[in-house]
Protein backbone atom coordinates (compact mmCIF):
# COMPACT_ATOMS: atom_id res chain seq x y z
CA UNK A 1 0.00 0.00 0.00
CA UNK A 2 3.00 2.31 0.25
CA UNK A 3 4.67 4.16 3.09
CA UNK A 4 2.34 4.26 6.12
CA UNK A 5 3.87 7.65 7.04
CA UNK A 6 2.80 9.17 3.73
CA UNK A 7 -0.14 11.54 3.77
CA UNK A 8 -3.43 10.79 2.13
CA UNK A 9 -2.46 12.93 -0.88
CA UNK A 10 0.66 10.86 -1.48
CA UNK A 11 -1.24 7.61 -1.04
CA UNK A 12 -4.02 8.76 -3.38
CA UNK A 13 -1.54 9.85 -6.04
CA UNK A 14 0.35 6.57 -5.71
CA UNK A 15 -2.87 4.55 -6.03
CA UNK A 16 -3.88 6.46 -9.16
CA UNK A 17 -0.41 6.00 -10.67
CA UNK A 18 -0.41 2.27 -9.93
CA UNK A 19 -3.83 1.75 -11.50
CA UNK A 20 -2.90 3.88 -14.51
CA UNK A 21 0.40 2.09 -15.09
CA UNK A 22 -1.27 -1.34 -14.65
CA UNK A 23 -3.36 -0.42 -17.68
CA UNK A 24 -0.34 0.77 -19.62
CA UNK A 25 -1.84 4.25 -19.86
CA UNK A 26 -0.03 7.57 -20.04
CA UNK A 27 -1.04 10.44 -17.79
CA UNK A 28 -2.43 12.11 -20.87
CA UNK A 29 -4.70 9.17 -21.68
CA UNK A 30 -6.05 8.98 -18.14
CA UNK A 31 -6.54 12.75 -18.05
CA UNK A 32 -8.49 12.59 -21.32
CA UNK A 33 -10.65 9.70 -20.12
CA UNK A 34 -11.37 11.53 -16.85
CA UNK A 35 -11.89 14.88 -18.61
CA UNK A 36 -9.03 16.48 -16.67
CA UNK A 37 -6.03 18.57 -17.66
CA UNK A 38 -2.86 16.48 -18.13
CA UNK A 39 -0.76 18.78 -15.97
CA UNK A 40 -3.36 18.55 -13.19
CA UNK A 41 -3.18 14.77 -13.52
CA UNK A 42 0.56 14.95 -12.85
CA UNK A 43 -0.03 17.18 -9.84
CA UNK A 44 -2.46 14.64 -8.39
CA UNK A 45 0.02 11.79 -8.85
CA UNK A 46 2.80 13.86 -7.22
CA UNK A 47 0.47 14.95 -4.39
CA UNK A 48 0.98 18.58 -5.39
CA UNK A 49 -2.82 18.86 -5.70
CA UNK A 50 -5.60 17.28 -3.65
CA UNK A 51 -8.53 16.36 -5.90
CA UNK A 52 -12.11 16.94 -4.90
CA UNK A 53 -14.43 14.00 -4.37
CA UNK A 54 -16.00 14.74 -7.76
CA UNK A 55 -12.56 14.54 -9.41
CA UNK A 56 -11.78 11.31 -7.54
CA UNK A 57 -15.05 9.91 -8.89
CA UNK A 58 -14.05 10.91 -12.45
CA UNK A 59 -10.71 9.14 -12.01
CA UNK A 60 -12.34 6.01 -10.60
CA UNK A 61 -14.82 5.93 -13.48
CA UNK A 62 -12.02 6.41 -16.04
CA UNK A 63 -9.99 3.62 -14.38
CA UNK A 64 -13.11 1.40 -14.26
CA UNK A 65 -12.91 0.83 -10.51
CA UNK A 66 -15.44 1.70 -7.82
CA UNK A 67 -14.71 5.00 -6.08
CA UNK A 68 -14.67 3.09 -2.79
CA UNK A 69 -11.85 0.89 -4.14
CA UNK A 70 -9.75 3.90 -5.09
CA UNK A 71 -10.33 5.62 -1.75
CA UNK A 72 -9.73 2.45 0.28
CA UNK A 73 -6.24 2.25 -1.26
CA UNK A 74 -5.49 5.56 0.50
CA UNK A 75 -6.30 4.45 4.02
CA UNK A 76 -3.50 4.24 6.55
CA UNK A 77 -2.74 0.72 7.69
CA UNK A 78 -4.23 0.01 11.10
CA UNK A 79 -1.58 -0.45 13.79
CA UNK A 80 -1.71 -3.70 15.73
PDB file of N, CA and C in Angstrom:
ATOM      1  N   UNK A   1       0.820  -1.179   0.000  1.00  0.00           N
ATOM      2  CA  UNK A   1       0.000   0.000   0.000  1.00  0.00           C
ATOM      3  C   UNK A   1       0.869   1.250   0.000  1.00  0.00           C
ATOM      4  N   UNK A   2       2.145   1.139   0.224  1.00  0.00           N
ATOM      5  CA  UNK A   2       3.000   2.309   0.251  1.00  0.00           C
ATOM      6  C   UNK A   2       3.422   2.634   1.664  1.00  0.00           C
ATOM      7  N   UNK A   3       4.128   3.713   1.814  1.00  0.00           N
ATOM      8  CA  UNK A   3       4.670   4.157   3.085  1.00  0.00           C
ATOM      9  C   UNK A   3       3.540   4.562   4.023  1.00  0.00           C
ATOM     10  N   UNK A   4       3.426   3.920   5.199  1.00  0.00           N
ATOM     11  CA  UNK A   4       2.343   4.264   6.117  1.00  0.00           C
ATOM     12  C   UNK A   4       2.479   5.675   6.665  1.00  0.00           C
ATOM     13  N   UNK A   5       3.666   6.277   6.563  1.00  0.00           N
ATOM     14  CA  UNK A   5       3.872   7.648   7.040  1.00  0.00           C
ATOM     15  C   UNK A   5       3.428   8.675   6.005  1.00  0.00           C
ATOM     16  N   UNK A   6       3.206   8.246   4.797  1.00  0.00           N
ATOM     17  CA  UNK A   6       2.802   9.169   3.733  1.00  0.00           C
ATOM     18  C   UNK A   6       1.404   9.707   4.011  1.00  0.00           C
ATOM     19  N   UNK A   7       1.168  10.928   3.604  1.00  0.00           N
ATOM     20  CA  UNK A   7      -0.144  11.539   3.774  1.00  0.00           C
ATOM     21  C   UNK A   7      -1.138  10.976   2.782  1.00  0.00           C
ATOM     22  N   UNK A   8      -2.379  11.306   3.002  1.00  0.00           N
ATOM     23  CA  UNK A   8      -3.435  10.793   2.134  1.00  0.00           C
ATOM     24  C   UNK A   8      -3.229  11.245   0.688  1.00  0.00           C
ATOM     25  N   UNK A   9      -2.716  12.450   0.487  1.00  0.00           N
ATOM     26  CA  UNK A   9      -2.464  12.928  -0.876  1.00  0.00           C
ATOM     27  C   UNK A   9      -1.447  12.075  -1.595  1.00  0.00           C
ATOM     28  N   UNK A  10      -0.366  11.724  -0.887  1.00  0.00           N
ATOM     29  CA  UNK A  10       0.658  10.862  -1.478  1.00  0.00           C
ATOM     30  C   UNK A  10       0.112   9.473  -1.773  1.00  0.00           C
ATOM     31  N   UNK A  11      -0.678   8.945  -0.833  1.00  0.00           N
ATOM     32  CA  UNK A  11      -1.240   7.605  -1.036  1.00  0.00           C
ATOM     33  C   UNK A  11      -2.245   7.602  -2.183  1.00  0.00           C
ATOM     34  N   UNK A  12      -3.047   8.679  -2.288  1.00  0.00           N
ATOM     35  CA  UNK A  12      -4.015   8.755  -3.377  1.00  0.00           C
ATOM     36  C   UNK A  12      -3.284   8.831  -4.720  1.00  0.00           C
ATOM     37  N   UNK A  13      -2.307   9.710  -4.803  1.00  0.00           N
ATOM     38  CA  UNK A  13      -1.538   9.848  -6.042  1.00  0.00           C
ATOM     39  C   UNK A  13      -0.859   8.550  -6.435  1.00  0.00           C
ATOM     40  N   UNK A  14      -0.316   7.847  -5.449  1.00  0.00           N
ATOM     41  CA  UNK A  14       0.354   6.567  -5.706  1.00  0.00           C
ATOM     42  C   UNK A  14      -0.657   5.536  -6.218  1.00  0.00           C
ATOM     43  N   UNK A  15      -1.840   5.507  -5.606  1.00  0.00           N
ATOM     44  CA  UNK A  15      -2.870   4.555  -6.034  1.00  0.00           C
ATOM     45  C   UNK A  15      -3.300   4.834  -7.470  1.00  0.00           C
ATOM     46  N   UNK A  16      -3.498   6.100  -7.793  1.00  0.00           N
ATOM     47  CA  UNK A  16      -3.881   6.461  -9.161  1.00  0.00           C
ATOM     48  C   UNK A  16      -2.782   6.054 -10.134  1.00  0.00           C
ATOM     49  N   UNK A  17      -1.541   6.346  -9.792  1.00  0.00           N
ATOM     50  CA  UNK A  17      -0.415   6.004 -10.672  1.00  0.00           C
ATOM     51  C   UNK A  17      -0.330   4.494 -10.884  1.00  0.00           C
ATOM     52  N   UNK A  18      -0.478   3.727  -9.808  1.00  0.00           N
ATOM     53  CA  UNK A  18      -0.410   2.267  -9.930  1.00  0.00           C
ATOM     54  C   UNK A  18      -1.505   1.739 -10.845  1.00  0.00           C
ATOM     55  N   UNK A  19      -2.717   2.214 -10.660  1.00  0.00           N
ATOM     56  CA  UNK A  19      -3.826   1.748 -11.496  1.00  0.00           C
ATOM     57  C   UNK A  19      -3.632   2.173 -12.951  1.00  0.00           C
ATOM     58  N   UNK A  20      -3.148   3.380 -13.141  1.00  0.00           N
ATOM     59  CA  UNK A  20      -2.905   3.875 -14.508  1.00  0.00           C
ATOM     60  C   UNK A  20      -1.824   3.044 -15.188  1.00  0.00           C
ATOM     61  N   UNK A  21      -0.714   2.837 -14.498  1.00  0.00           N
ATOM     62  CA  UNK A  21       0.396   2.085 -15.087  1.00  0.00           C
ATOM     63  C   UNK A  21       0.021   0.624 -15.325  1.00  0.00           C
ATOM     64  N   UNK A  22      -0.828   0.052 -14.464  1.00  0.00           N
ATOM     65  CA  UNK A  22      -1.275  -1.338 -14.650  1.00  0.00           C
ATOM     66  C   UNK A  22      -2.040  -1.491 -15.962  1.00  0.00           C
ATOM     67  N   UNK A  23      -2.635  -0.404 -16.417  1.00  0.00           N
ATOM     68  CA  UNK A  23      -3.365  -0.419 -17.684  1.00  0.00           C
ATOM     69  C   UNK A  23      -2.474  -0.040 -18.863  1.00  0.00           C
ATOM     70  N   UNK A  24      -1.255   0.355 -18.559  1.00  0.00           N
ATOM     71  CA  UNK A  24      -0.343   0.769 -19.618  1.00  0.00           C
ATOM     72  C   UNK A  24      -0.699   2.131 -20.188  1.00  0.00           C
ATOM     73  N   UNK A  25      -1.376   2.945 -19.399  1.00  0.00           N
ATOM     74  CA  UNK A  25      -1.836   4.253 -19.858  1.00  0.00           C
ATOM     75  C   UNK A  25      -0.839   5.348 -19.501  1.00  0.00           C
ATOM     76  N   UNK A  26      -0.777   6.354 -20.346  1.00  0.00           N
ATOM     77  CA  UNK A  26      -0.025   7.573 -20.039  1.00  0.00           C
ATOM     78  C   UNK A  26      -0.901   8.462 -19.159  1.00  0.00           C
ATOM     79  N   UNK A  27      -0.262   9.452 -18.535  1.00  0.00           N
ATOM     80  CA  UNK A  27      -1.040  10.435 -17.785  1.00  0.00           C
ATOM     81  C   UNK A  27      -2.017  11.148 -18.713  1.00  0.00           C
ATOM     82  N   UNK A  28      -1.576  11.406 -19.920  1.00  0.00           N
ATOM     83  CA  UNK A  28      -2.431  12.107 -20.874  1.00  0.00           C
ATOM     84  C   UNK A  28      -3.689  11.299 -21.189  1.00  0.00           C
ATOM     85  N   UNK A  29      -3.527  10.002 -21.375  1.00  0.00           N
ATOM     86  CA  UNK A  29      -4.700   9.166 -21.683  1.00  0.00           C
ATOM     87  C   UNK A  29      -5.679   9.154 -20.517  1.00  0.00           C
ATOM     88  N   UNK A  30      -5.166   8.982 -19.300  1.00  0.00           N
ATOM     89  CA  UNK A  30      -6.054   8.984 -18.139  1.00  0.00           C
ATOM     90  C   UNK A  30      -6.733  10.345 -17.990  1.00  0.00           C
ATOM     91  N   UNK A  31      -5.966  11.401 -18.155  1.00  0.00           N
ATOM     92  CA  UNK A  31      -6.536  12.748 -18.055  1.00  0.00           C
ATOM     93  C   UNK A  31      -7.664  12.926 -19.073  1.00  0.00           C
ATOM     94  N   UNK A  32      -7.451  12.483 -20.287  1.00  0.00           N
ATOM     95  CA  UNK A  32      -8.487  12.594 -21.317  1.00  0.00           C
ATOM     96  C   UNK A  32      -9.722  11.782 -20.947  1.00  0.00           C
ATOM     97  N   UNK A  33      -9.517  10.558 -20.483  1.00  0.00           N
ATOM     98  CA  UNK A  33     -10.650   9.701 -20.117  1.00  0.00           C
ATOM     99  C   UNK A  33     -11.436  10.275 -18.931  1.00  0.00           C
ATOM    100  N   UNK A  34     -10.730  10.960 -18.030  1.00  0.00           N
ATOM    101  CA  UNK A  34     -11.372  11.527 -16.849  1.00  0.00           C
ATOM    102  C   UNK A  34     -11.794  12.979 -17.064  1.00  0.00           C
ATOM    103  N   UNK A  35     -11.564  13.494 -18.274  1.00  0.00           N
ATOM    104  CA  UNK A  35     -11.891  14.878 -18.612  1.00  0.00           C
ATOM    105  C   UNK A  35     -11.184  15.863 -17.677  1.00  0.00           C
ATOM    106  N   UNK A  36      -9.870  15.621 -17.494  1.00  0.00           N
ATOM    107  CA  UNK A  36      -9.029  16.481 -16.668  1.00  0.00           C
ATOM    108  C   UNK A  36      -7.863  16.991 -17.499  1.00  0.00           C
ATOM    109  N   UNK A  37      -7.229  18.037 -17.026  1.00  0.00           N
ATOM    110  CA  UNK A  37      -6.033  18.572 -17.665  1.00  0.00           C
ATOM    111  C   UNK A  37      -4.854  17.654 -17.358  1.00  0.00           C
ATOM    112  N   UNK A  38      -3.988  17.389 -18.337  1.00  0.00           N
ATOM    113  CA  UNK A  38      -2.862  16.476 -18.134  1.00  0.00           C
ATOM    114  C   UNK A  38      -1.914  16.986 -17.050  1.00  0.00           C
ATOM    115  N   UNK A  39      -1.677  18.277 -16.998  1.00  0.00           N
ATOM    116  CA  UNK A  39      -0.764  18.784 -15.972  1.00  0.00           C
ATOM    117  C   UNK A  39      -1.374  18.623 -14.575  1.00  0.00           C
ATOM    118  N   UNK A  40      -2.692  18.773 -14.466  1.00  0.00           N
ATOM    119  CA  UNK A  40      -3.365  18.550 -13.192  1.00  0.00           C
ATOM    120  C   UNK A  40      -3.254  17.082 -12.791  1.00  0.00           C
ATOM    121  N   UNK A  41      -3.330  16.196 -13.776  1.00  0.00           N
ATOM    122  CA  UNK A  41      -3.181  14.765 -13.518  1.00  0.00           C
ATOM    123  C   UNK A  41      -1.820  14.491 -12.876  1.00  0.00           C
ATOM    124  N   UNK A  42      -0.776  15.107 -13.420  1.00  0.00           N
ATOM    125  CA  UNK A  42       0.559  14.950 -12.853  1.00  0.00           C
ATOM    126  C   UNK A  42       0.648  15.486 -11.437  1.00  0.00           C
ATOM    127  N   UNK A  43      -0.025  16.600 -11.183  1.00  0.00           N
ATOM    128  CA  UNK A  43      -0.030  17.182  -9.842  1.00  0.00           C
ATOM    129  C   UNK A  43      -0.708  16.246  -8.847  1.00  0.00           C
ATOM    130  N   UNK A  44      -1.774  15.601  -9.268  1.00  0.00           N
ATOM    131  CA  UNK A  44      -2.459  14.644  -8.393  1.00  0.00           C
ATOM    132  C   UNK A  44      -1.519  13.488  -8.064  1.00  0.00           C
ATOM    133  N   UNK A  45      -0.870  12.937  -9.077  1.00  0.00           N
ATOM    134  CA  UNK A  45       0.022  11.790  -8.848  1.00  0.00           C
ATOM    135  C   UNK A  45       1.215  12.165  -7.972  1.00  0.00           C
ATOM    136  N   UNK A  46       1.665  13.407  -8.042  1.00  0.00           N
ATOM    137  CA  UNK A  46       2.801  13.863  -7.224  1.00  0.00           C
ATOM    138  C   UNK A  46       2.353  14.412  -5.881  1.00  0.00           C
ATOM    139  N   UNK A  47       1.059  14.411  -5.621  1.00  0.00           N
ATOM    140  CA  UNK A  47       0.471  14.951  -4.391  1.00  0.00           C
ATOM    141  C   UNK A  47       0.699  16.453  -4.269  1.00  0.00           C
ATOM    142  N   UNK A  48       0.867  17.126  -5.389  1.00  0.00           N
ATOM    143  CA  UNK A  48       0.977  18.578  -5.394  1.00  0.00           C
ATOM    144  C   UNK A  48      -0.414  19.203  -5.411  1.00  0.00           C
ATOM    145  N   UNK A  49      -1.428  18.404  -5.709  1.00  0.00           N
ATOM    146  CA  UNK A  49      -2.817  18.855  -5.699  1.00  0.00           C
ATOM    147  C   UNK A  49      -3.667  17.776  -5.052  1.00  0.00           C
ATOM    148  N   UNK A  50      -4.661  18.212  -4.286  1.00  0.00           N
ATOM    149  CA  UNK A  50      -5.600  17.282  -3.648  1.00  0.00           C
ATOM    150  C   UNK A  50      -6.922  17.374  -4.401  1.00  0.00           C
ATOM    151  N   UNK A  51      -7.304  16.308  -5.101  1.00  0.00           N
ATOM    152  CA  UNK A  51      -8.527  16.363  -5.899  1.00  0.00           C
ATOM    153  C   UNK A  51      -9.775  16.381  -5.025  1.00  0.00           C
ATOM    154  N   UNK A  52     -10.817  16.966  -5.568  1.00  0.00           N
ATOM    155  CA  UNK A  52     -12.115  16.936  -4.901  1.00  0.00           C
ATOM    156  C   UNK A  52     -12.696  15.528  -5.009  1.00  0.00           C
ATOM    157  N   UNK A  53     -13.744  15.293  -4.282  1.00  0.00           N
ATOM    158  CA  UNK A  53     -14.429  14.005  -4.368  1.00  0.00           C
ATOM    159  C   UNK A  53     -14.985  13.796  -5.770  1.00  0.00           C
ATOM    160  N   UNK A  54     -15.472  14.857  -6.395  1.00  0.00           N
ATOM    161  CA  UNK A  54     -16.000  14.745  -7.762  1.00  0.00           C
ATOM    162  C   UNK A  54     -14.887  14.339  -8.729  1.00  0.00           C
ATOM    163  N   UNK A  55     -13.687  14.892  -8.544  1.00  0.00           N
ATOM    164  CA  UNK A  55     -12.559  14.535  -9.408  1.00  0.00           C
ATOM    165  C   UNK A  55     -12.124  13.101  -9.133  1.00  0.00           C
ATOM    166  N   UNK A  56     -12.116  12.700  -7.874  1.00  0.00           N
ATOM    167  CA  UNK A  56     -11.781  11.312  -7.543  1.00  0.00           C
ATOM    168  C   UNK A  56     -12.764  10.357  -8.211  1.00  0.00           C
ATOM    169  N   UNK A  57     -14.045  10.749  -8.244  1.00  0.00           N
ATOM    170  CA  UNK A  57     -15.050   9.911  -8.895  1.00  0.00           C
ATOM    171  C   UNK A  57     -14.800   9.823 -10.397  1.00  0.00           C
ATOM    172  N   UNK A  58     -14.383  10.925 -11.022  1.00  0.00           N
ATOM    173  CA  UNK A  58     -14.052  10.907 -12.454  1.00  0.00           C
ATOM    174  C   UNK A  58     -12.882   9.964 -12.714  1.00  0.00           C
ATOM    175  N   UNK A  59     -11.863  10.009 -11.838  1.00  0.00           N
ATOM    176  CA  UNK A  59     -10.705   9.136 -12.007  1.00  0.00           C
ATOM    177  C   UNK A  59     -11.099   7.672 -11.832  1.00  0.00           C
ATOM    178  N   UNK A  60     -11.901   7.386 -10.824  1.00  0.00           N
ATOM    179  CA  UNK A  60     -12.343   6.007 -10.598  1.00  0.00           C
ATOM    180  C   UNK A  60     -13.123   5.495 -11.805  1.00  0.00           C
ATOM    181  N   UNK A  61     -14.017   6.330 -12.318  1.00  0.00           N
ATOM    182  CA  UNK A  61     -14.819   5.934 -13.484  1.00  0.00           C
ATOM    183  C   UNK A  61     -13.908   5.683 -14.685  1.00  0.00           C
ATOM    184  N   UNK A  62     -12.942   6.567 -14.906  1.00  0.00           N
ATOM    185  CA  UNK A  62     -12.018   6.406 -16.037  1.00  0.00           C
ATOM    186  C   UNK A  62     -11.177   5.139 -15.888  1.00  0.00           C
ATOM    187  N   UNK A  63     -10.810   4.811 -14.645  1.00  0.00           N
ATOM    188  CA  UNK A  63      -9.995   3.615 -14.379  1.00  0.00           C
ATOM    189  C   UNK A  63     -10.848   2.358 -14.254  1.00  0.00           C
ATOM    190  N   UNK A  64     -12.165   2.515 -14.337  1.00  0.00           N
ATOM    191  CA  UNK A  64     -13.109   1.397 -14.257  1.00  0.00           C
ATOM    192  C   UNK A  64     -12.989   0.643 -12.936  1.00  0.00           C
ATOM    193  N   UNK A  65     -12.902   1.413 -11.856  1.00  0.00           N
ATOM    194  CA  UNK A  65     -12.909   0.835 -10.512  1.00  0.00           C
ATOM    195  C   UNK A  65     -13.933   1.608  -9.690  1.00  0.00           C
ATOM    196  N   UNK A  66     -14.535   0.966  -8.687  1.00  0.00           N
ATOM    197  CA  UNK A  66     -15.443   1.704  -7.817  1.00  0.00           C
ATOM    198  C   UNK A  66     -14.679   2.800  -7.068  1.00  0.00           C
ATOM    199  N   UNK A  67     -15.336   3.915  -6.840  1.00  0.00           N
ATOM    200  CA  UNK A  67     -14.712   5.001  -6.079  1.00  0.00           C
ATOM    201  C   UNK A  67     -14.247   4.493  -4.722  1.00  0.00           C
ATOM    202  N   UNK A  68     -15.041   3.633  -4.102  1.00  0.00           N
ATOM    203  CA  UNK A  68     -14.673   3.091  -2.789  1.00  0.00           C
ATOM    204  C   UNK A  68     -13.358   2.316  -2.862  1.00  0.00           C
ATOM    205  N   UNK A  69     -13.104   1.635  -3.967  1.00  0.00           N
ATOM    206  CA  UNK A  69     -11.851   0.895  -4.139  1.00  0.00           C
ATOM    207  C   UNK A  69     -10.672   1.861  -4.204  1.00  0.00           C
ATOM    208  N   UNK A  70     -10.819   2.921  -4.964  1.00  0.00           N
ATOM    209  CA  UNK A  70      -9.748   3.899  -5.090  1.00  0.00           C
ATOM    210  C   UNK A  70      -9.468   4.566  -3.748  1.00  0.00           C
ATOM    211  N   UNK A  71     -10.504   4.951  -3.047  1.00  0.00           N
ATOM    212  CA  UNK A  71     -10.328   5.620  -1.754  1.00  0.00           C
ATOM    213  C   UNK A  71      -9.771   4.655  -0.709  1.00  0.00           C
ATOM    214  N   UNK A  72     -10.218   3.412  -0.727  1.00  0.00           N
ATOM    215  CA  UNK A  72      -9.732   2.452   0.277  1.00  0.00           C
ATOM    216  C   UNK A  72      -8.229   2.219   0.139  1.00  0.00           C
ATOM    217  N   UNK A  73      -7.690   2.415  -1.055  1.00  0.00           N
ATOM    218  CA  UNK A  73      -6.243   2.254  -1.264  1.00  0.00           C
ATOM    219  C   UNK A  73      -5.458   3.381  -0.600  1.00  0.00           C
ATOM    220  N   UNK A  74      -6.142   4.407  -0.114  1.00  0.00           N
ATOM    221  CA  UNK A  74      -5.494   5.562   0.501  1.00  0.00           C
ATOM    222  C   UNK A  74      -5.514   5.511   2.012  1.00  0.00           C
ATOM    223  N   UNK A  75      -6.192   4.533   2.568  1.00  0.00           N
ATOM    224  CA  UNK A  75      -6.299   4.449   4.023  1.00  0.00           C
ATOM    225  C   UNK A  75      -4.975   4.051   4.640  1.00  0.00           C
ATOM    226  N   UNK A  76      -4.696   4.615   5.803  1.00  0.00           N
ATOM    227  CA  UNK A  76      -3.503   4.238   6.546  1.00  0.00           C
ATOM    228  C   UNK A  76      -3.694   2.831   7.088  1.00  0.00           C
ATOM    229  N   UNK A  77      -2.619   2.040   7.082  1.00  0.00           N
ATOM    230  CA  UNK A  77      -2.739   0.717   7.692  1.00  0.00           C
ATOM    231  C   UNK A  77      -3.057   0.864   9.183  1.00  0.00           C
ATOM    232  N   UNK A  78      -3.877  -0.031   9.688  1.00  0.00           N
ATOM    233  CA  UNK A  78      -4.234   0.009  11.099  1.00  0.00           C
ATOM    234  C   UNK A  78      -3.114  -0.626  11.908  1.00  0.00           C
ATOM    235  N   UNK A  79      -2.657   0.070  12.932  1.00  0.00           N
ATOM    236  CA  UNK A  79      -1.582  -0.446  13.790  1.00  0.00           C
ATOM    237  C   UNK A  79      -2.117  -1.563  14.665  1.00  0.00           C
ATOM    238  N   UNK A  80      -1.303  -2.580  14.866  1.00  0.00           N
ATOM    239  CA  UNK A  80      -1.707  -3.701  15.731  1.00  0.00           C
ATOM    240  C   UNK A  80      -1.544  -3.355  17.189  1.00  0.00           C
TER     241      UNK A  80
END
